[in-house]
PDB file of N, CA and C in Angstrom:
ATOM      1  N   UNK A   1      13.743   3.259  17.683  1.00  0.00           N
ATOM      2  CA  UNK A   1      12.306   2.792  17.693  1.00  0.00           C
ATOM      3  C   UNK A   1      11.784   2.059  18.794  1.00  0.00           C
ATOM      4  N   UNK A   2      11.139   2.372  19.963  1.00  0.00           N
ATOM      5  CA  UNK A   2      10.735   1.784  20.988  1.00  0.00           C
ATOM      6  C   UNK A   2       8.986   1.362  20.805  1.00  0.00           C
ATOM      7  N   UNK A   3       8.857  -0.004  20.842  1.00  0.00           N
ATOM      8  CA  UNK A   3       7.322  -0.246  20.789  1.00  0.00           C
ATOM      9  C   UNK A   3       7.189  -0.802  22.082  1.00  0.00           C
ATOM     10  N   UNK A   4       6.181  -0.145  22.933  1.00  0.00           N
ATOM     11  CA  UNK A   4       6.100  -0.476  24.321  1.00  0.00           C
ATOM     12  C   UNK A   4       5.209  -1.892  24.238  1.00  0.00           C
ATOM     13  N   UNK A   5       5.873  -2.518  25.227  1.00  0.00           N
ATOM     14  CA  UNK A   5       5.148  -3.893  25.376  1.00  0.00           C
ATOM     15  C   UNK A   5       5.328  -4.887  24.289  1.00  0.00           C
ATOM     16  N   UNK A   6       6.087  -4.368  23.106  1.00  0.00           N
ATOM     17  CA  UNK A   6       6.610  -5.097  21.883  1.00  0.00           C
ATOM     18  C   UNK A   6       5.044  -5.438  21.270  1.00  0.00           C
ATOM     19  N   UNK A   7       3.957  -4.776  21.477  1.00  0.00           N
ATOM     20  CA  UNK A   7       2.484  -4.977  21.019  1.00  0.00           C
ATOM     21  C   UNK A   7       2.181  -4.234  19.752  1.00  0.00           C
ATOM     22  N   UNK A   8       1.707  -4.887  18.897  1.00  0.00           N
ATOM     23  CA  UNK A   8       1.300  -4.621  17.489  1.00  0.00           C
ATOM     24  C   UNK A   8       0.149  -5.144  17.242  1.00  0.00           C
ATOM     25  N   UNK A   9      -0.953  -4.122  16.941  1.00  0.00           N
ATOM     26  CA  UNK A   9      -2.443  -4.445  16.777  1.00  0.00           C
ATOM     27  C   UNK A   9      -2.727  -4.710  15.339  1.00  0.00           C
ATOM     28  N   UNK A  10      -3.457  -5.741  15.052  1.00  0.00           N
ATOM     29  CA  UNK A  10      -4.068  -6.170  13.471  1.00  0.00           C
ATOM     30  C   UNK A  10      -5.357  -5.527  13.534  1.00  0.00           C
ATOM     31  N   UNK A  11      -5.550  -4.874  12.403  1.00  0.00           N
ATOM     32  CA  UNK A  11      -6.911  -4.216  11.910  1.00  0.00           C
ATOM     33  C   UNK A  11      -7.454  -4.953  10.891  1.00  0.00           C
ATOM     34  N   UNK A  12      -9.009  -5.213  10.885  1.00  0.00           N
ATOM     35  CA  UNK A  12      -9.834  -5.951   9.779  1.00  0.00           C
ATOM     36  C   UNK A  12     -10.033  -5.220   8.608  1.00  0.00           C
ATOM     37  N   UNK A  13     -10.295  -3.805   8.617  1.00  0.00           N
ATOM     38  CA  UNK A  13     -10.451  -3.132   7.529  1.00  0.00           C
ATOM     39  C   UNK A  13      -9.767  -1.638   7.769  1.00  0.00           C
ATOM     40  N   UNK A  14      -9.820  -1.051   6.546  1.00  0.00           N
ATOM     41  CA  UNK A  14      -9.582   0.538   6.422  1.00  0.00           C
ATOM     42  C   UNK A  14     -10.350   1.073   5.190  1.00  0.00           C
ATOM     43  N   UNK A  15     -10.637   2.454   5.407  1.00  0.00           N
ATOM     44  CA  UNK A  15     -11.009   3.160   4.613  1.00  0.00           C
ATOM     45  C   UNK A  15     -10.223   4.207   3.831  1.00  0.00           C
ATOM     46  N   UNK A  16     -10.446   4.309   2.708  1.00  0.00           N
ATOM     47  CA  UNK A  16      -9.472   5.261   1.795  1.00  0.00           C
ATOM     48  C   UNK A  16     -10.551   6.385   1.106  1.00  0.00           C
ATOM     49  N   UNK A  17     -10.263   7.501   1.824  1.00  0.00           N
ATOM     50  CA  UNK A  17     -11.151   8.854   1.591  1.00  0.00           C
ATOM     51  C   UNK A  17     -10.493   9.395   0.151  1.00  0.00           C
ATOM     52  N   UNK A  18     -11.534   9.834  -0.940  1.00  0.00           N
ATOM     53  CA  UNK A  18     -10.982  10.348  -1.946  1.00  0.00           C
ATOM     54  C   UNK A  18     -12.045  11.448  -2.504  1.00  0.00           C
ATOM     55  N   UNK A  19     -11.660  12.161  -3.402  1.00  0.00           N
ATOM     56  CA  UNK A  19     -12.728  13.277  -4.014  1.00  0.00           C
ATOM     57  C   UNK A  19     -13.009  12.734  -5.406  1.00  0.00           C
ATOM     58  N   UNK A  20     -14.524  12.625  -5.608  1.00  0.00           N
ATOM     59  CA  UNK A  20     -14.592  12.324  -7.086  1.00  0.00           C
ATOM     60  C   UNK A  20     -14.564  13.605  -8.245  1.00  0.00           C
ATOM     61  N   UNK A  21     -14.503  13.205  -9.339  1.00  0.00           N
ATOM     62  CA  UNK A  21     -14.546  14.320 -10.316  1.00  0.00           C
ATOM     63  C   UNK A  21     -15.241  15.336 -10.359  1.00  0.00           C
ATOM     64  N   UNK A  22     -16.468  15.058  -9.661  1.00  0.00           N
ATOM     65  CA  UNK A  22     -17.556  16.125  -9.583  1.00  0.00           C
ATOM     66  C   UNK A  22     -17.421  16.860  -8.270  1.00  0.00           C
ATOM     67  N   UNK A  23     -16.232  16.759  -7.396  1.00  0.00           N
ATOM     68  CA  UNK A  23     -15.876  17.250  -6.166  1.00  0.00           C
ATOM     69  C   UNK A  23     -16.691  16.762  -5.016  1.00  0.00           C
ATOM     70  N   UNK A  24     -17.181  15.532  -5.004  1.00  0.00           N
ATOM     71  CA  UNK A  24     -17.763  15.023  -3.807  1.00  0.00           C
ATOM     72  C   UNK A  24     -16.817  14.144  -2.990  1.00  0.00           C
ATOM     73  N   UNK A  25     -17.074  13.969  -1.762  1.00  0.00           N
ATOM     74  CA  UNK A  25     -16.078  13.353  -1.103  1.00  0.00           C
ATOM     75  C   UNK A  25     -16.761  11.813  -0.852  1.00  0.00           C
ATOM     76  N   UNK A  26     -16.020  10.789  -1.172  1.00  0.00           N
ATOM     77  CA  UNK A  26     -16.386   9.443  -1.116  1.00  0.00           C
ATOM     78  C   UNK A  26     -15.223   8.809  -0.369  1.00  0.00           C
ATOM     79  N   UNK A  27     -15.807   7.491  -0.147  1.00  0.00           N
ATOM     80  CA  UNK A  27     -14.482   6.553   0.460  1.00  0.00           C
ATOM     81  C   UNK A  27     -14.746   4.977   0.140  1.00  0.00           C
ATOM     82  N   UNK A  28     -13.739   4.323  -0.039  1.00  0.00           N
ATOM     83  CA  UNK A  28     -13.746   2.829  -0.242  1.00  0.00           C
ATOM     84  C   UNK A  28     -13.365   2.214   1.152  1.00  0.00           C
ATOM     85  N   UNK A  29     -13.956   1.029   1.334  1.00  0.00           N
ATOM     86  CA  UNK A  29     -13.516   0.212   2.482  1.00  0.00           C
ATOM     87  C   UNK A  29     -12.763  -1.002   1.881  1.00  0.00           C
ATOM     88  N   UNK A  30     -11.725  -1.264   2.563  1.00  0.00           N
ATOM     89  CA  UNK A  30     -10.732  -2.300   1.797  1.00  0.00           C
ATOM     90  C   UNK A  30     -10.625  -3.154   2.997  1.00  0.00           C
ATOM     91  N   UNK A  31     -10.941  -4.388   2.663  1.00  0.00           N
ATOM     92  CA  UNK A  31     -10.496  -5.441   3.735  1.00  0.00           C
ATOM     93  C   UNK A  31      -9.536  -6.507   3.088  1.00  0.00           C
ATOM     94  N   UNK A  32      -8.488  -6.660   3.680  1.00  0.00           N
ATOM     95  CA  UNK A  32      -7.473  -7.618   3.080  1.00  0.00           C
ATOM     96  C   UNK A  32      -7.859  -9.038   2.782  1.00  0.00           C
ATOM     97  N   UNK A  33      -9.030  -9.451   3.629  1.00  0.00           N
ATOM     98  CA  UNK A  33      -9.592 -11.077   3.485  1.00  0.00           C
ATOM     99  C   UNK A  33     -10.500 -11.003   2.008  1.00  0.00           C
ATOM    100  N   UNK A  34     -11.105  -9.898   1.570  1.00  0.00           N
ATOM    101  CA  UNK A  34     -12.093  -9.846   0.593  1.00  0.00           C
ATOM    102  C   UNK A  34     -11.722  -9.046  -0.493  1.00  0.00           C
ATOM    103  N   UNK A  35     -11.299  -7.917  -0.474  1.00  0.00           N
ATOM    104  CA  UNK A  35     -10.803  -7.178  -1.549  1.00  0.00           C
ATOM    105  C   UNK A  35      -9.612  -6.305  -1.301  1.00  0.00           C
ATOM    106  N   UNK A  36      -8.453  -6.993  -1.170  1.00  0.00           N
ATOM    107  CA  UNK A  36      -7.366  -6.347  -0.556  1.00  0.00           C
ATOM    108  C   UNK A  36      -6.432  -5.860  -1.922  1.00  0.00           C
ATOM    109  N   UNK A  37      -6.711  -5.667  -3.031  1.00  0.00           N
ATOM    110  CA  UNK A  37      -5.850  -5.381  -3.989  1.00  0.00           C
ATOM    111  C   UNK A  37      -6.063  -3.823  -4.196  1.00  0.00           C
ATOM    112  N   UNK A  38      -4.719  -3.111  -4.023  1.00  0.00           N
ATOM    113  CA  UNK A  38      -4.428  -1.673  -3.912  1.00  0.00           C
ATOM    114  C   UNK A  38      -3.435  -1.261  -4.997  1.00  0.00           C
ATOM    115  N   UNK A  39      -3.373   0.337  -5.022  1.00  0.00           N
ATOM    116  CA  UNK A  39      -2.463   0.445  -6.131  1.00  0.00           C
ATOM    117  C   UNK A  39      -1.919   2.013  -5.432  1.00  0.00           C
ATOM    118  N   UNK A  40      -0.801   2.172  -5.517  1.00  0.00           N
ATOM    119  CA  UNK A  40      -0.200   3.322  -5.108  1.00  0.00           C
ATOM    120  C   UNK A  40       0.840   4.059  -6.552  1.00  0.00           C
ATOM    121  N   UNK A  41       0.968   5.601  -6.347  1.00  0.00           N
ATOM    122  CA  UNK A  41       1.570   6.221  -7.232  1.00  0.00           C
ATOM    123  C   UNK A  41       3.076   5.617  -7.210  1.00  0.00           C
ATOM    124  N   UNK A  42       3.729   5.681  -8.192  1.00  0.00           N
ATOM    125  CA  UNK A  42       5.003   4.918  -8.415  1.00  0.00           C
ATOM    126  C   UNK A  42       6.170   6.098  -7.886  1.00  0.00           C
ATOM    127  N   UNK A  43       5.912   7.259  -8.127  1.00  0.00           N
ATOM    128  CA  UNK A  43       6.825   8.349  -7.553  1.00  0.00           C
ATOM    129  C   UNK A  43       8.190   8.683  -8.469  1.00  0.00           C
ATOM    130  N   UNK A  44       8.158   8.140  -9.546  1.00  0.00           N
ATOM    131  CA  UNK A  44       9.209   8.378 -10.336  1.00  0.00           C
ATOM    132  C   UNK A  44       8.966   9.453 -11.209  1.00  0.00           C
ATOM    133  N   UNK A  45       9.628  10.276 -11.733  1.00  0.00           N
ATOM    134  CA  UNK A  45       9.436  11.387 -12.823  1.00  0.00           C
ATOM    135  C   UNK A  45       9.278  10.788 -14.137  1.00  0.00           C
ATOM    136  N   UNK A  46       9.755  10.068 -14.772  1.00  0.00           N
ATOM    137  CA  UNK A  46       9.536   9.491 -15.768  1.00  0.00           C
ATOM    138  C   UNK A  46       9.101   8.038 -16.102  1.00  0.00           C
ATOM    139  N   UNK A  47       8.279   7.348 -15.523  1.00  0.00           N
ATOM    140  CA  UNK A  47       7.757   6.240 -15.444  1.00  0.00           C
ATOM    141  C   UNK A  47       7.363   5.427 -16.891  1.00  0.00           C
ATOM    142  N   UNK A  48       7.496   4.276 -17.115  1.00  0.00           N
ATOM    143  CA  UNK A  48       6.848   3.611 -18.206  1.00  0.00           C
ATOM    144  C   UNK A  48       5.275   3.349 -17.805  1.00  0.00           C
ATOM    145  N   UNK A  49       5.082   3.207 -16.576  1.00  0.00           N
ATOM    146  CA  UNK A  49       3.711   3.140 -16.217  1.00  0.00           C
ATOM    147  C   UNK A  49       3.662   3.748 -14.623  1.00  0.00           C
ATOM    148  N   UNK A  50       2.385   4.481 -14.409  1.00  0.00           N
ATOM    149  CA  UNK A  50       2.677   5.375 -13.318  1.00  0.00           C
ATOM    150  C   UNK A  50       2.285   4.794 -11.822  1.00  0.00           C
ATOM    151  N   UNK A  51       2.018   3.495 -11.672  1.00  0.00           N
ATOM    152  CA  UNK A  51       1.503   2.950 -10.620  1.00  0.00           C
ATOM    153  C   UNK A  51       2.455   1.379 -10.295  1.00  0.00           C
ATOM    154  N   UNK A  52       2.303   1.212  -8.883  1.00  0.00           N
ATOM    155  CA  UNK A  52       2.609   0.011  -8.225  1.00  0.00           C
ATOM    156  C   UNK A  52       1.426  -0.630  -7.895  1.00  0.00           C
ATOM    157  N   UNK A  53       1.430  -1.832  -7.931  1.00  0.00           N
ATOM    158  CA  UNK A  53      -0.008  -2.805  -7.626  1.00  0.00           C
ATOM    159  C   UNK A  53       0.482  -3.802  -6.431  1.00  0.00           C
ATOM    160  N   UNK A  54      -0.286  -4.048  -5.392  1.00  0.00           N
ATOM    161  CA  UNK A  54       0.016  -4.873  -4.292  1.00  0.00           C
ATOM    162  C   UNK A  54      -1.535  -5.256  -3.815  1.00  0.00           C
ATOM    163  N   UNK A  55      -1.228  -6.502  -3.437  1.00  0.00           N
ATOM    164  CA  UNK A  55      -2.452  -7.451  -2.645  1.00  0.00           C
ATOM    165  C   UNK A  55      -1.919  -7.230  -0.997  1.00  0.00           C
ATOM    166  N   UNK A  56      -2.913  -6.610  -0.283  1.00  0.00           N
ATOM    167  CA  UNK A  56      -2.666  -6.247   1.080  1.00  0.00           C
ATOM    168  C   UNK A  56      -2.979  -7.618   1.556  1.00  0.00           C
ATOM    169  N   UNK A  57      -2.206  -7.702   2.821  1.00  0.00           N
ATOM    170  CA  UNK A  57      -2.118  -9.172   3.284  1.00  0.00           C
ATOM    171  C   UNK A  57      -2.710  -8.817   4.883  1.00  0.00           C
ATOM    172  N   UNK A  58      -2.342  -7.758   5.511  1.00  0.00           N
ATOM    173  CA  UNK A  58      -2.818  -7.443   6.966  1.00  0.00           C
ATOM    174  C   UNK A  58      -2.740  -5.778   6.957  1.00  0.00           C
ATOM    175  N   UNK A  59      -3.336  -5.262   7.972  1.00  0.00           N
ATOM    176  CA  UNK A  59      -3.317  -4.192   8.500  1.00  0.00           C
ATOM    177  C   UNK A  59      -2.860  -3.910   9.879  1.00  0.00           C
ATOM    178  N   UNK A  60      -1.758  -3.021  10.260  1.00  0.00           N
ATOM    179  CA  UNK A  60      -1.533  -2.919  11.360  1.00  0.00           C
ATOM    180  C   UNK A  60      -1.445  -1.772  12.225  1.00  0.00           C
ATOM    181  N   UNK A  61      -1.394  -1.293  13.364  1.00  0.00           N
ATOM    182  CA  UNK A  61      -1.054  -0.299  13.859  1.00  0.00           C
ATOM    183  C   UNK A  61      -0.445  -0.350  15.416  1.00  0.00           C
ATOM    184  N   UNK A  62       0.264   0.610  15.940  1.00  0.00           N
ATOM    185  CA  UNK A  62       1.211   0.606  17.066  1.00  0.00           C
ATOM    186  C   UNK A  62       1.626   1.942  17.771  1.00  0.00           C
ATOM    187  N   UNK A  63       1.533   2.015  18.798  1.00  0.00           N
ATOM    188  CA  UNK A  63       2.204   3.222  19.609  1.00  0.00           C
ATOM    189  C   UNK A  63       3.619   2.784  19.566  1.00  0.00           C
ATOM    190  N   UNK A  64       4.434   3.898  19.432  1.00  0.00           N
ATOM    191  CA  UNK A  64       5.919   3.712  19.320  1.00  0.00           C
ATOM    192  C   UNK A  64       6.677   5.080  19.892  1.00  0.00           C
ATOM    193  N   UNK A  65       7.801   5.029  20.274  1.00  0.00           N
ATOM    194  CA  UNK A  65       8.316   5.930  20.736  1.00  0.00           C
ATOM    195  C   UNK A  65      10.011   6.069  19.786  1.00  0.00           C
ATOM    196  N   UNK A  66       9.935   7.430  19.287  1.00  0.00           N
ATOM    197  CA  UNK A  66      11.049   7.463  18.293  1.00  0.00           C
ATOM    198  C   UNK A  66      12.003   8.273  19.027  1.00  0.00           C
ATOM    199  N   UNK A  67      13.262   7.936  19.213  1.00  0.00           N
ATOM    200  CA  UNK A  67      14.522   8.664  19.974  1.00  0.00           C
ATOM    201  C   UNK A  67      15.621   8.931  18.766  1.00  0.00           C
ATOM    202  N   UNK A  68      15.619  10.344  18.887  1.00  0.00           N
ATOM    203  CA  UNK A  68      16.575  10.788  17.665  1.00  0.00           C
ATOM    204  C   UNK A  68      17.715  11.388  18.311  1.00  0.00           C
ATOM    205  N   UNK A  69      18.032  10.862  19.484  1.00  0.00           N
ATOM    206  CA  UNK A  69      19.236  11.305  20.230  1.00  0.00           C
ATOM    207  C   UNK A  69      18.711  12.516  21.404  1.00  0.00           C
ATOM    208  N   UNK A  70      17.432  12.935  21.303  1.00  0.00           N
ATOM    209  CA  UNK A  70      16.953  13.717  22.361  1.00  0.00           C
ATOM    210  C   UNK A  70      15.888  13.082  23.299  1.00  0.00           C
ATOM    211  N   UNK A  71      15.054  13.687  23.611  1.00  0.00           N
ATOM    212  CA  UNK A  71      13.740  13.324  24.343  1.00  0.00           C
ATOM    213  C   UNK A  71      13.197  12.332  23.416  1.00  0.00           C
ATOM    214  N   UNK A  72      12.569  11.082  23.738  1.00  0.00           N
ATOM    215  CA  UNK A  72      12.005  10.404  22.865  1.00  0.00           C
ATOM    216  C   UNK A  72      10.482  11.079  22.664  1.00  0.00           C
ATOM    217  N   UNK A  73       9.861  10.708  21.471  1.00  0.00           N
ATOM    218  CA  UNK A  73       8.558  11.246  21.026  1.00  0.00           C
ATOM    219  C   UNK A  73       7.692  10.414  20.838  1.00  0.00           C
ATOM    220  N   UNK A  74       6.378  10.185  21.273  1.00  0.00           N
ATOM    221  CA  UNK A  74       5.516   9.199  21.158  1.00  0.00           C
ATOM    222  C   UNK A  74       4.781   9.261  19.464  1.00  0.00           C
ATOM    223  N   UNK A  75       4.588   8.196  18.840  1.00  0.00           N
ATOM    224  CA  UNK A  75       4.106   8.655  17.691  1.00  0.00           C
ATOM    225  C   UNK A  75       3.178   7.185  17.494  1.00  0.00           C
ATOM    226  N   UNK A  76       1.940   7.472  16.760  1.00  0.00           N
ATOM    227  CA  UNK A  76       1.244   6.334  16.254  1.00  0.00           C
ATOM    228  C   UNK A  76       1.429   5.883  14.724  1.00  0.00           C
ATOM    229  N   UNK A  77       1.689   4.770  14.479  1.00  0.00           N
ATOM    230  CA  UNK A  77       1.976   4.092  13.279  1.00  0.00           C
ATOM    231  C   UNK A  77       1.083   3.151  12.752  1.00  0.00           C
ATOM    232  N   UNK A  78       0.720   3.388  11.590  1.00  0.00           N
ATOM    233  CA  UNK A  78      -0.167   2.607  10.907  1.00  0.00           C
ATOM    234  C   UNK A  78       0.515   2.097   9.736  1.00  0.00           C
ATOM    235  N   UNK A  79       0.465   0.810   9.160  1.00  0.00           N
ATOM    236  CA  UNK A  79       1.137   0.353   8.067  1.00  0.00           C
ATOM    237  C   UNK A  79       0.539  -0.966   7.543  1.00  0.00           C
ATOM    238  N   UNK A  80       0.652  -1.208   6.156  1.00  0.00           N
ATOM    239  CA  UNK A  80       0.118  -2.222   5.548  1.00  0.00           C
ATOM    240  C   UNK A  80       0.985  -3.187   5.205  1.00  0.00           C
ATOM    241  N   UNK A  81       0.969  -4.377   5.608  1.00  0.00           N
ATOM    242  CA  UNK A  81       1.702  -5.391   4.902  1.00  0.00           C
ATOM    243  C   UNK A  81       1.351  -5.960   3.687  1.00  0.00           C
ATOM    244  N   UNK A  82       2.089  -5.744   2.514  1.00  0.00           N
ATOM    245  CA  UNK A  82       1.755  -6.316   1.147  1.00  0.00           C
ATOM    246  C   UNK A  82       2.427  -7.156   0.624  1.00  0.00           C
ATOM    247  N   UNK A  83       1.856  -7.722  -0.379  1.00  0.00           N
ATOM    248  CA  UNK A  83       2.474  -8.562  -1.382  1.00  0.00           C
ATOM    249  C   UNK A  83       2.446  -7.977  -2.716  1.00  0.00           C
ATOM    250  N   UNK A  84       3.705  -7.380  -3.403  1.00  0.00           N
ATOM    251  CA  UNK A  84       3.720  -6.705  -4.606  1.00  0.00           C
ATOM    252  C   UNK A  84       3.278  -7.560  -5.760  1.00  0.00           C
ATOM    253  N   UNK A  85       2.899  -6.846  -6.562  1.00  0.00           N
ATOM    254  CA  UNK A  85       2.373  -7.479  -8.059  1.00  0.00           C
ATOM    255  C   UNK A  85       3.312  -6.517  -8.979  1.00  0.00           C
ATOM    256  N   UNK A  86       3.584  -7.523  -9.946  1.00  0.00           N
ATOM    257  CA  UNK A  86       4.380  -6.869 -11.180  1.00  0.00           C
ATOM    258  C   UNK A  86       3.782  -6.949 -12.467  1.00  0.00           C
ATOM    259  N   UNK A  87       3.976  -6.111 -13.189  1.00  0.00           N
ATOM    260  CA  UNK A  87       3.266  -6.030 -14.532  1.00  0.00           C
ATOM    261  C   UNK A  87       3.870  -7.042 -15.340  1.00  0.00           C
ATOM    262  N   UNK A  88       2.942  -7.799 -16.221  1.00  0.00           N
ATOM    263  CA  UNK A  88       3.380  -8.787 -17.046  1.00  0.00           C
ATOM    264  C   UNK A  88       4.126  -7.976 -18.549  1.00  0.00           C
ATOM    265  N   UNK A  89       5.197  -8.230 -18.560  1.00  0.00           N
ATOM    266  CA  UNK A  89       5.993  -7.376 -19.738  1.00  0.00           C
ATOM    267  C   UNK A  89       5.344  -7.807 -21.511  1.00  0.00           C
ATOM    268  N   UNK A  90       5.004  -8.957 -21.503  1.00  0.00           N
ATOM    269  CA  UNK A  90       4.503  -9.376 -22.788  1.00  0.00           C
ATOM    270  C   UNK A  90       3.217  -9.188 -22.854  1.00  0.00           C
ATOM    271  N   UNK A  91       2.342  -8.367 -22.110  1.00  0.00           N
ATOM    272  CA  UNK A  91       1.045  -7.990 -22.452  1.00  0.00           C
ATOM    273  C   UNK A  91       1.061  -6.485 -22.687  1.00  0.00           C
ATOM    274  N   UNK A  92       0.233  -6.165 -23.700  1.00  0.00           N
ATOM    275  CA  UNK A  92       0.148  -4.919 -24.206  1.00  0.00           C
ATOM    276  C   UNK A  92      -0.834  -4.259 -23.664  1.00  0.00           C
ATOM    277  N   UNK A  93      -0.713  -3.183 -23.171  1.00  0.00           N
ATOM    278  CA  UNK A  93      -1.903  -2.425 -22.379  1.00  0.00           C
ATOM    279  C   UNK A  93      -2.088  -0.794 -22.844  1.00  0.00           C
ATOM    280  N   UNK A  94      -2.818  -0.163 -22.305  1.00  0.00           N
ATOM    281  CA  UNK A  94      -3.112   1.155 -22.564  1.00  0.00           C
ATOM    282  C   UNK A  94      -4.244   1.584 -23.403  1.00  0.00           C
ATOM    283  N   UNK A  95      -4.219   2.777 -23.717  1.00  0.00           N
ATOM    284  CA  UNK A  95      -5.555   3.344 -24.609  1.00  0.00           C
ATOM    285  C   UNK A  95      -5.261   2.915 -26.142  1.00  0.00           C
ATOM    286  N   UNK A  96      -4.122   2.774 -26.586  1.00  0.00           N
ATOM    287  CA  UNK A  96      -4.034   2.441 -28.045  1.00  0.00           C
ATOM    288  C   UNK A  96      -4.783   1.055 -28.161  1.00  0.00           C
ATOM    289  N   UNK A  97      -4.440  -0.130 -27.300  1.00  0.00           N
ATOM    290  CA  UNK A  97      -5.039  -1.336 -27.585  1.00  0.00           C
ATOM    291  C   UNK A  97      -6.197  -1.775 -26.614  1.00  0.00           C
ATOM    292  N   UNK A  98      -6.527  -0.662 -25.975  1.00  0.00           N
ATOM    293  CA  UNK A  98      -7.762  -0.769 -25.164  1.00  0.00           C
ATOM    294  C   UNK A  98      -7.923  -1.843 -24.124  1.00  0.00           C
ATOM    295  N   UNK A  99      -6.739  -2.008 -23.552  1.00  0.00           N
ATOM    296  CA  UNK A  99      -6.589  -3.111 -22.562  1.00  0.00           C
ATOM    297  C   UNK A  99      -5.787  -2.433 -21.145  1.00  0.00           C
ATOM    298  N   UNK A 100      -6.437  -3.134 -20.194  1.00  0.00           N
ATOM    299  CA  UNK A 100      -5.963  -2.764 -18.855  1.00  0.00           C
ATOM    300  C   UNK A 100      -4.630  -3.351 -18.577  1.00  0.00           C
ATOM    301  N   UNK A 101      -3.607  -3.009 -17.788  1.00  0.00           N
ATOM    302  CA  UNK A 101      -2.367  -4.029 -17.683  1.00  0.00           C
ATOM    303  C   UNK A 101      -2.793  -5.323 -17.099  1.00  0.00           C
ATOM    304  N   UNK A 102      -2.040  -6.215 -16.957  1.00  0.00           N
ATOM    305  CA  UNK A 102      -2.123  -7.435 -16.445  1.00  0.00           C
ATOM    306  C   UNK A 102      -0.948  -7.605 -15.434  1.00  0.00           C
ATOM    307  N   UNK A 103      -1.009  -8.080 -14.076  1.00  0.00           N
ATOM    308  CA  UNK A 103      -0.184  -8.135 -13.178  1.00  0.00           C
ATOM    309  C   UNK A 103       0.041  -9.646 -12.809  1.00  0.00           C
ATOM    310  N   UNK A 104       1.067  -9.878 -11.949  1.00  0.00           N
ATOM    311  CA  UNK A 104       1.072 -11.446 -11.320  1.00  0.00           C
ATOM    312  C   UNK A 104       2.064 -10.977 -10.255  1.00  0.00           C
ATOM    313  N   UNK A 105       1.973 -11.852  -9.061  1.00  0.00           N
ATOM    314  CA  UNK A 105       2.588 -11.846  -7.998  1.00  0.00           C
ATOM    315  C   UNK A 105       4.121 -11.875  -8.269  1.00  0.00           C
ATOM    316  N   UNK A 106       5.027 -10.905  -7.468  1.00  0.00           N
ATOM    317  CA  UNK A 106       6.617 -10.832  -7.593  1.00  0.00           C
ATOM    318  C   UNK A 106       6.853 -12.177  -6.790  1.00  0.00           C
ATOM    319  N   UNK A 107       7.637 -12.988  -7.423  1.00  0.00           N
ATOM    320  CA  UNK A 107       8.536 -14.259  -6.912  1.00  0.00           C
ATOM    321  C   UNK A 107       8.609 -14.158  -5.597  1.00  0.00           C
ATOM    322  N   UNK A 108       8.277 -15.306  -4.822  1.00  0.00           N
ATOM    323  CA  UNK A 108       8.511 -15.119  -3.359  1.00  0.00           C
ATOM    324  C   UNK A 108       9.893 -15.235  -3.160  1.00  0.00           C
ATOM    325  N   UNK A 109      10.821 -15.609  -4.054  1.00  0.00           N
ATOM    326  CA  UNK A 109      12.319 -15.722  -3.597  1.00  0.00           C
ATOM    327  C   UNK A 109      12.835 -14.055  -3.855  1.00  0.00           C
ATOM    328  N   UNK A 110      12.253 -13.274  -4.359  1.00  0.00           N
ATOM    329  CA  UNK A 110      12.531 -11.792  -4.697  1.00  0.00           C
ATOM    330  C   UNK A 110      12.661 -11.146  -3.070  1.00  0.00           C
ATOM    331  N   UNK A 111      13.663 -10.557  -2.800  1.00  0.00           N
ATOM    332  CA  UNK A 111      13.624 -10.097  -1.571  1.00  0.00           C
ATOM    333  C   UNK A 111      12.868  -9.107  -1.247  1.00  0.00           C
ATOM    334  N   UNK A 112      12.207  -8.228  -2.408  1.00  0.00           N
ATOM    335  CA  UNK A 112      11.259  -7.104  -2.424  1.00  0.00           C
ATOM    336  C   UNK A 112       9.692  -7.693  -2.616  1.00  0.00           C
ATOM    337  N   UNK A 113       9.443  -8.912  -2.566  1.00  0.00           N
ATOM    338  CA  UNK A 113       8.176  -9.630  -2.972  1.00  0.00           C
ATOM    339  C   UNK A 113       7.228  -8.983  -2.057  1.00  0.00           C
ATOM    340  N   UNK A 114       7.724  -8.695  -0.770  1.00  0.00           N
ATOM    341  CA  UNK A 114       6.669  -8.295   0.458  1.00  0.00           C
ATOM    342  C   UNK A 114       7.199  -7.061   0.988  1.00  0.00           C
ATOM    343  N   UNK A 115       6.603  -6.284   1.446  1.00  0.00           N
ATOM    344  CA  UNK A 115       6.854  -4.894   2.283  1.00  0.00           C
ATOM    345  C   UNK A 115       5.646  -4.298   2.984  1.00  0.00           C
ATOM    346  N   UNK A 116       6.357  -3.227   3.620  1.00  0.00           N
ATOM    347  CA  UNK A 116       5.136  -2.460   4.460  1.00  0.00           C
ATOM    348  C   UNK A 116       5.011  -1.255   3.733  1.00  0.00           C
ATOM    349  N   UNK A 117       3.878  -0.650   3.884  1.00  0.00           N
ATOM    350  CA  UNK A 117       3.384   0.415   3.058  1.00  0.00           C
ATOM    351  C   UNK A 117       2.612   1.681   4.073  1.00  0.00           C
ATOM    352  N   UNK A 118       2.775   2.765   3.832  1.00  0.00           N
ATOM    353  CA  UNK A 118       2.279   3.904   4.554  1.00  0.00           C
ATOM    354  C   UNK A 118       0.546   3.741   3.850  1.00  0.00           C
ATOM    355  N   UNK A 119      -0.504   3.699   4.640  1.00  0.00           N
ATOM    356  CA  UNK A 119      -1.814   3.651   4.351  1.00  0.00           C
ATOM    357  C   UNK A 119      -2.201   4.944   3.469  1.00  0.00           C
ATOM    358  N   UNK A 120      -1.402   6.108   3.687  1.00  0.00           N
ATOM    359  CA  UNK A 120      -1.724   7.301   3.027  1.00  0.00           C
ATOM    360  C   UNK A 120      -1.639   7.322   1.741  1.00  0.00           C
ATOM    361  N   UNK A 121      -0.609   6.256   1.204  1.00  0.00           N
ATOM    362  CA  UNK A 121      -0.173   6.370  -0.400  1.00  0.00           C
ATOM    363  C   UNK A 121      -1.065   5.434  -1.037  1.00  0.00           C
ATOM    364  N   UNK A 122      -2.122   4.798  -0.387  1.00  0.00           N
ATOM    365  CA  UNK A 122      -3.177   4.007  -1.315  1.00  0.00           C
ATOM    366  C   UNK A 122      -4.008   4.967  -2.135  1.00  0.00           C
ATOM    367  N   UNK A 123      -4.185   4.545  -3.264  1.00  0.00           N
ATOM    368  CA  UNK A 123      -5.067   5.513  -4.195  1.00  0.00           C
ATOM    369  C   UNK A 123      -6.298   4.853  -4.039  1.00  0.00           C
TER     370      UNK A 123
END
């Protein structure tokens, strides 16, 4: 991976486009400074809970060249820098108890507490 001039750009907001239950197209604007909480599908086949939650810290984009042994190909990359949230295990949630899940920040000492995420994964 080659990033020209080692330059990465920060962006203040992003829009997530979605289709509503009645087939209308809508979007939400997400700003890490004001409303940065997001969720993504877990991606496992048999999860106890279908989502991961995160607090978005920043939005970045960059131009990059990817070289897989042949001719380098130019790409535009957008990433979210996030701090992951974990479900509180001792809190009951779901339809039976009519409660939403509670989450808390993953401890900073955990190597997976922070990460990068493709904006296309945000629900």
